[in-house]
Amino acid sequence: MTAELTCRGWPSGGRTPHRVDADGVVPVLVVGTTGDPSTPYEEAVSLADQFPGGMLLTYEGMGHTAYGRGGACVTEKVDAYLVGLKPVRPGATC
């Protein structure tokens, strides 16, 4: 819980997300949290769709960010991608 205090003074709201131009990048894994109070889940869905070969891992839970705090399911899937480039299947949820 104290990790979230780091972001406490950051500006919020009023910003419009922009489109990503990422042609030629390797497939990107985006982790979206359904109950994230700072980053709407819909933006994670949109971001994953903008990357060529983008993948979305959905964490059904509360809080800002899931890696490192979303349990073994999230950690194992993200680590498998980062270490071995194992893709996350479409619709993957933790």
N, C-alpha and C. Protein backbone atom coordinates (compact mmCIF):
# COMPACT_ATOMS: atom_id res chain seq x y z
N MET A 1 0.81 -1.19 0.00
CA MET A 1 0.00 0.00 0.00
C MET A 1 0.86 1.26 0.00
N THR A 2 1.99 1.24 0.69
CA THR A 2 2.84 2.43 0.74
C THR A 2 3.46 2.76 -0.61
N ALA A 3 3.60 1.76 -1.49
CA ALA A 3 4.16 2.02 -2.82
C ALA A 3 3.29 3.00 -3.59
N GLU A 4 2.00 2.99 -3.35
CA GLU A 4 1.10 3.89 -4.05
C GLU A 4 1.27 5.34 -3.61
N LEU A 5 1.86 5.58 -2.45
CA LEU A 5 2.09 6.95 -1.99
C LEU A 5 3.11 7.67 -2.86
N THR A 6 3.97 6.93 -3.54
CA THR A 6 4.96 7.53 -4.42
C THR A 6 4.30 8.36 -5.51
N CYS A 7 3.15 7.93 -5.96
CA CYS A 7 2.44 8.60 -7.06
C CYS A 7 1.50 9.69 -6.55
N ARG A 8 1.40 9.85 -5.27
CA ARG A 8 0.39 10.73 -4.67
C ARG A 8 0.41 12.15 -5.24
N GLY A 9 1.57 12.75 -5.44
CA GLY A 9 1.64 14.13 -5.91
C GLY A 9 1.64 14.31 -7.41
N TRP A 10 1.58 13.21 -8.15
CA TRP A 10 1.60 13.30 -9.60
C TRP A 10 0.31 13.91 -10.11
N PRO A 11 0.38 14.66 -11.20
CA PRO A 11 -0.86 15.23 -11.76
C PRO A 11 -1.80 14.14 -12.26
N SER A 12 -3.08 14.39 -12.19
CA SER A 12 -4.05 13.41 -12.66
C SER A 12 -5.19 14.11 -13.36
N GLY A 13 -5.87 13.35 -14.21
CA GLY A 13 -7.05 13.85 -14.91
C GLY A 13 -6.72 14.91 -15.95
N GLY A 14 -7.69 15.18 -16.80
CA GLY A 14 -7.57 16.25 -17.77
C GLY A 14 -6.68 15.96 -18.96
N ARG A 15 -6.04 14.84 -18.99
CA ARG A 15 -5.18 14.52 -20.13
C ARG A 15 -5.89 13.55 -21.05
N THR A 16 -5.71 13.75 -22.34
CA THR A 16 -6.30 12.86 -23.32
C THR A 16 -5.22 11.90 -23.81
N PRO A 17 -5.47 10.60 -23.74
CA PRO A 17 -4.47 9.65 -24.24
C PRO A 17 -4.21 9.87 -25.72
N HIS A 18 -2.99 9.63 -26.14
CA HIS A 18 -2.67 9.77 -27.56
C HIS A 18 -2.41 8.40 -28.17
N ARG A 19 -2.47 8.33 -29.47
CA ARG A 19 -2.22 7.09 -30.19
C ARG A 19 -0.73 6.79 -30.20
N VAL A 20 -0.39 5.51 -30.17
CA VAL A 20 0.99 5.07 -30.20
C VAL A 20 1.36 4.71 -31.63
N ASP A 21 2.51 5.19 -32.06
CA ASP A 21 3.05 4.82 -33.36
C ASP A 21 4.27 3.95 -33.09
N ALA A 22 4.10 2.64 -33.20
CA ALA A 22 5.16 1.72 -32.80
C ALA A 22 5.43 0.66 -33.85
N ASP A 23 5.38 1.04 -35.10
CA ASP A 23 5.66 0.08 -36.16
C ASP A 23 7.06 -0.49 -36.00
N GLY A 24 7.20 -1.78 -36.17
CA GLY A 24 8.50 -2.43 -36.13
C GLY A 24 8.96 -2.89 -34.75
N VAL A 25 8.19 -2.61 -33.69
CA VAL A 25 8.61 -3.08 -32.37
C VAL A 25 8.24 -4.54 -32.20
N VAL A 26 8.95 -5.21 -31.29
CA VAL A 26 8.59 -6.58 -30.96
C VAL A 26 7.24 -6.57 -30.28
N PRO A 27 6.52 -7.70 -30.24
CA PRO A 27 5.23 -7.72 -29.56
C PRO A 27 5.36 -7.22 -28.11
N VAL A 28 4.41 -6.40 -27.71
CA VAL A 28 4.42 -5.77 -26.39
C VAL A 28 3.33 -6.40 -25.53
N LEU A 29 3.67 -6.68 -24.27
CA LEU A 29 2.70 -7.19 -23.31
C LEU A 29 2.24 -6.04 -22.43
N VAL A 30 0.94 -5.79 -22.44
CA VAL A 30 0.33 -4.76 -21.60
C VAL A 30 -0.46 -5.48 -20.51
N VAL A 31 -0.28 -5.05 -19.26
CA VAL A 31 -1.03 -5.61 -18.14
C VAL A 31 -2.03 -4.55 -17.69
N GLY A 32 -3.31 -4.88 -17.75
CA GLY A 32 -4.36 -3.95 -17.35
C GLY A 32 -5.10 -4.46 -16.13
N THR A 33 -5.30 -3.57 -15.16
CA THR A 33 -6.01 -3.92 -13.93
C THR A 33 -7.43 -3.37 -14.02
N THR A 34 -8.42 -4.23 -13.82
CA THR A 34 -9.82 -3.81 -13.98
C THR A 34 -10.24 -2.75 -12.97
N GLY A 35 -9.64 -2.73 -11.79
CA GLY A 35 -10.02 -1.77 -10.76
C GLY A 35 -8.93 -0.76 -10.48
N ASP A 36 -8.19 -0.35 -11.50
CA ASP A 36 -7.11 0.62 -11.31
C ASP A 36 -7.71 2.02 -11.23
N PRO A 37 -7.53 2.73 -10.11
CA PRO A 37 -8.11 4.05 -9.97
C PRO A 37 -7.38 5.13 -10.77
N SER A 38 -6.17 4.83 -11.24
CA SER A 38 -5.37 5.82 -11.95
C SER A 38 -5.32 5.62 -13.45
N THR A 39 -5.35 4.38 -13.88
CA THR A 39 -5.26 4.07 -15.30
C THR A 39 -6.48 3.23 -15.67
N PRO A 40 -7.43 3.81 -16.38
CA PRO A 40 -8.63 3.05 -16.73
C PRO A 40 -8.29 1.79 -17.53
N TYR A 41 -8.95 0.70 -17.21
CA TYR A 41 -8.72 -0.57 -17.88
C TYR A 41 -8.91 -0.44 -19.39
N GLU A 42 -9.86 0.36 -19.81
CA GLU A 42 -10.13 0.54 -21.24
C GLU A 42 -8.91 1.08 -21.97
N GLU A 43 -8.09 1.87 -21.28
CA GLU A 43 -6.87 2.40 -21.90
C GLU A 43 -5.84 1.30 -22.11
N ALA A 44 -5.79 0.33 -21.20
CA ALA A 44 -4.88 -0.82 -21.38
C ALA A 44 -5.31 -1.63 -22.60
N VAL A 45 -6.61 -1.83 -22.75
CA VAL A 45 -7.14 -2.55 -23.91
C VAL A 45 -6.76 -1.82 -25.18
N SER A 46 -6.97 -0.51 -25.20
CA SER A 46 -6.66 0.30 -26.37
C SER A 46 -5.16 0.27 -26.68
N LEU A 47 -4.34 0.39 -25.65
CA LEU A 47 -2.89 0.40 -25.86
C LEU A 47 -2.42 -0.92 -26.46
N ALA A 48 -2.88 -2.04 -25.92
CA ALA A 48 -2.48 -3.34 -26.46
C ALA A 48 -2.88 -3.47 -27.92
N ASP A 49 -4.04 -2.93 -28.27
CA ASP A 49 -4.51 -3.00 -29.66
C ASP A 49 -3.66 -2.14 -30.60
N GLN A 50 -3.01 -1.12 -30.08
CA GLN A 50 -2.24 -0.21 -30.92
C GLN A 50 -0.87 -0.76 -31.30
N PHE A 51 -0.37 -1.72 -30.54
CA PHE A 51 0.94 -2.30 -30.84
C PHE A 51 0.79 -3.45 -31.83
N PRO A 52 1.66 -3.51 -32.85
CA PRO A 52 1.62 -4.67 -33.73
C PRO A 52 1.91 -5.93 -32.92
N GLY A 53 1.02 -6.88 -32.92
CA GLY A 53 1.19 -8.10 -32.13
C GLY A 53 1.04 -7.88 -30.64
N GLY A 54 0.44 -6.75 -30.25
CA GLY A 54 0.27 -6.45 -28.82
C GLY A 54 -0.57 -7.49 -28.11
N MET A 55 -0.23 -7.74 -26.85
CA MET A 55 -0.94 -8.71 -26.03
C MET A 55 -1.44 -8.02 -24.77
N LEU A 56 -2.60 -8.45 -24.29
CA LEU A 56 -3.17 -7.90 -23.06
C LEU A 56 -3.33 -9.00 -22.04
N LEU A 57 -2.81 -8.76 -20.84
CA LEU A 57 -3.05 -9.62 -19.69
C LEU A 57 -3.94 -8.83 -18.75
N THR A 58 -5.11 -9.36 -18.46
CA THR A 58 -6.06 -8.68 -17.58
C THR A 58 -5.92 -9.20 -16.17
N TYR A 59 -5.74 -8.27 -15.24
CA TYR A 59 -5.74 -8.61 -13.82
C TYR A 59 -7.06 -8.11 -13.23
N GLU A 60 -7.88 -9.03 -12.77
CA GLU A 60 -9.15 -8.67 -12.17
C GLU A 60 -8.93 -8.38 -10.69
N GLY A 61 -8.75 -7.11 -10.39
CA GLY A 61 -8.46 -6.71 -9.02
C GLY A 61 -8.45 -5.21 -8.89
N MET A 62 -8.11 -4.76 -7.70
CA MET A 62 -8.07 -3.33 -7.40
C MET A 62 -6.62 -2.88 -7.25
N GLY A 63 -6.41 -1.59 -7.45
CA GLY A 63 -5.11 -0.99 -7.23
C GLY A 63 -4.43 -0.60 -8.53
N HIS A 64 -3.38 0.20 -8.39
CA HIS A 64 -2.62 0.68 -9.53
C HIS A 64 -1.44 -0.24 -9.76
N THR A 65 -1.41 -0.87 -10.88
CA THR A 65 -0.43 -1.85 -11.34
C THR A 65 -0.71 -3.24 -10.75
N ALA A 66 -0.29 -4.26 -11.47
CA ALA A 66 -0.53 -5.63 -11.02
C ALA A 66 0.76 -6.42 -10.87
N TYR A 67 1.77 -6.11 -11.67
CA TYR A 67 3.01 -6.87 -11.60
C TYR A 67 3.69 -6.60 -10.26
N GLY A 68 4.00 -7.67 -9.56
CA GLY A 68 4.62 -7.53 -8.26
C GLY A 68 3.64 -7.45 -7.11
N ARG A 69 2.34 -7.36 -7.44
CA ARG A 69 1.34 -7.29 -6.38
C ARG A 69 0.06 -8.01 -6.74
N GLY A 70 0.00 -8.58 -7.95
CA GLY A 70 -1.20 -9.25 -8.42
C GLY A 70 -1.18 -10.76 -8.25
N GLY A 71 -0.23 -11.26 -7.51
CA GLY A 71 -0.18 -12.69 -7.25
C GLY A 71 0.66 -13.45 -8.26
N ALA A 72 0.75 -14.76 -8.02
CA ALA A 72 1.59 -15.64 -8.83
C ALA A 72 1.17 -15.68 -10.29
N CYS A 73 -0.11 -15.61 -10.55
CA CYS A 73 -0.60 -15.69 -11.93
C CYS A 73 0.02 -14.58 -12.79
N VAL A 74 -0.07 -13.35 -12.32
CA VAL A 74 0.49 -12.21 -13.06
C VAL A 74 2.00 -12.34 -13.17
N THR A 75 2.64 -12.59 -12.05
CA THR A 75 4.11 -12.68 -12.03
C THR A 75 4.61 -13.75 -12.99
N GLU A 76 4.01 -14.93 -12.97
CA GLU A 76 4.46 -16.02 -13.84
C GLU A 76 4.28 -15.69 -15.31
N LYS A 77 3.15 -15.09 -15.68
CA LYS A 77 2.91 -14.77 -17.09
C LYS A 77 3.84 -13.66 -17.58
N VAL A 78 4.03 -12.63 -16.77
CA VAL A 78 4.91 -11.54 -17.17
C VAL A 78 6.36 -12.01 -17.22
N ASP A 79 6.80 -12.75 -16.20
CA ASP A 79 8.17 -13.25 -16.21
C ASP A 79 8.43 -14.17 -17.39
N ALA A 80 7.46 -15.03 -17.73
CA ALA A 80 7.62 -15.94 -18.87
C ALA A 80 7.77 -15.16 -20.17
N TYR A 81 7.10 -14.02 -20.27
CA TYR A 81 7.24 -13.20 -21.47
C TYR A 81 8.58 -12.46 -21.46
N LEU A 82 8.92 -11.86 -20.33
CA LEU A 82 10.16 -11.08 -20.27
C LEU A 82 11.42 -11.94 -20.41
N VAL A 83 11.40 -13.12 -19.85
CA VAL A 83 12.58 -13.98 -19.87
C VAL A 83 12.63 -14.87 -21.11
N GLY A 84 11.49 -15.46 -21.46
CA GLY A 84 11.48 -16.42 -22.56
C GLY A 84 10.66 -16.03 -23.77
N LEU A 85 10.14 -14.80 -23.77
CA LEU A 85 9.27 -14.31 -24.85
C LEU A 85 8.08 -15.21 -25.10
N LYS A 86 7.58 -15.87 -24.05
CA LYS A 86 6.40 -16.71 -24.17
C LYS A 86 5.17 -15.79 -24.27
N PRO A 87 4.45 -15.85 -25.38
CA PRO A 87 3.31 -14.95 -25.55
C PRO A 87 2.17 -15.28 -24.59
N VAL A 88 1.38 -14.28 -24.32
CA VAL A 88 0.18 -14.45 -23.50
C VAL A 88 -0.98 -14.68 -24.45
N ARG A 89 -1.76 -15.71 -24.19
CA ARG A 89 -2.87 -16.04 -25.10
C ARG A 89 -3.93 -14.94 -25.07
N PRO A 90 -4.65 -14.75 -26.17
CA PRO A 90 -5.74 -13.77 -26.18
C PRO A 90 -6.76 -14.08 -25.09
N GLY A 91 -7.19 -13.07 -24.38
CA GLY A 91 -8.18 -13.23 -23.32
C GLY A 91 -7.60 -13.68 -21.99
N ALA A 92 -6.26 -13.70 -21.87
CA ALA A 92 -5.63 -14.15 -20.62
C ALA A 92 -6.04 -13.25 -19.45
N THR A 93 -6.45 -13.90 -18.37
CA THR A 93 -6.93 -13.19 -17.19
C THR A 93 -6.36 -13.82 -15.92
N CYS A 94 -6.05 -12.99 -14.97
CA CYS A 94 -5.59 -13.46 -13.66
C CYS A 94 -6.52 -12.90 -12.58
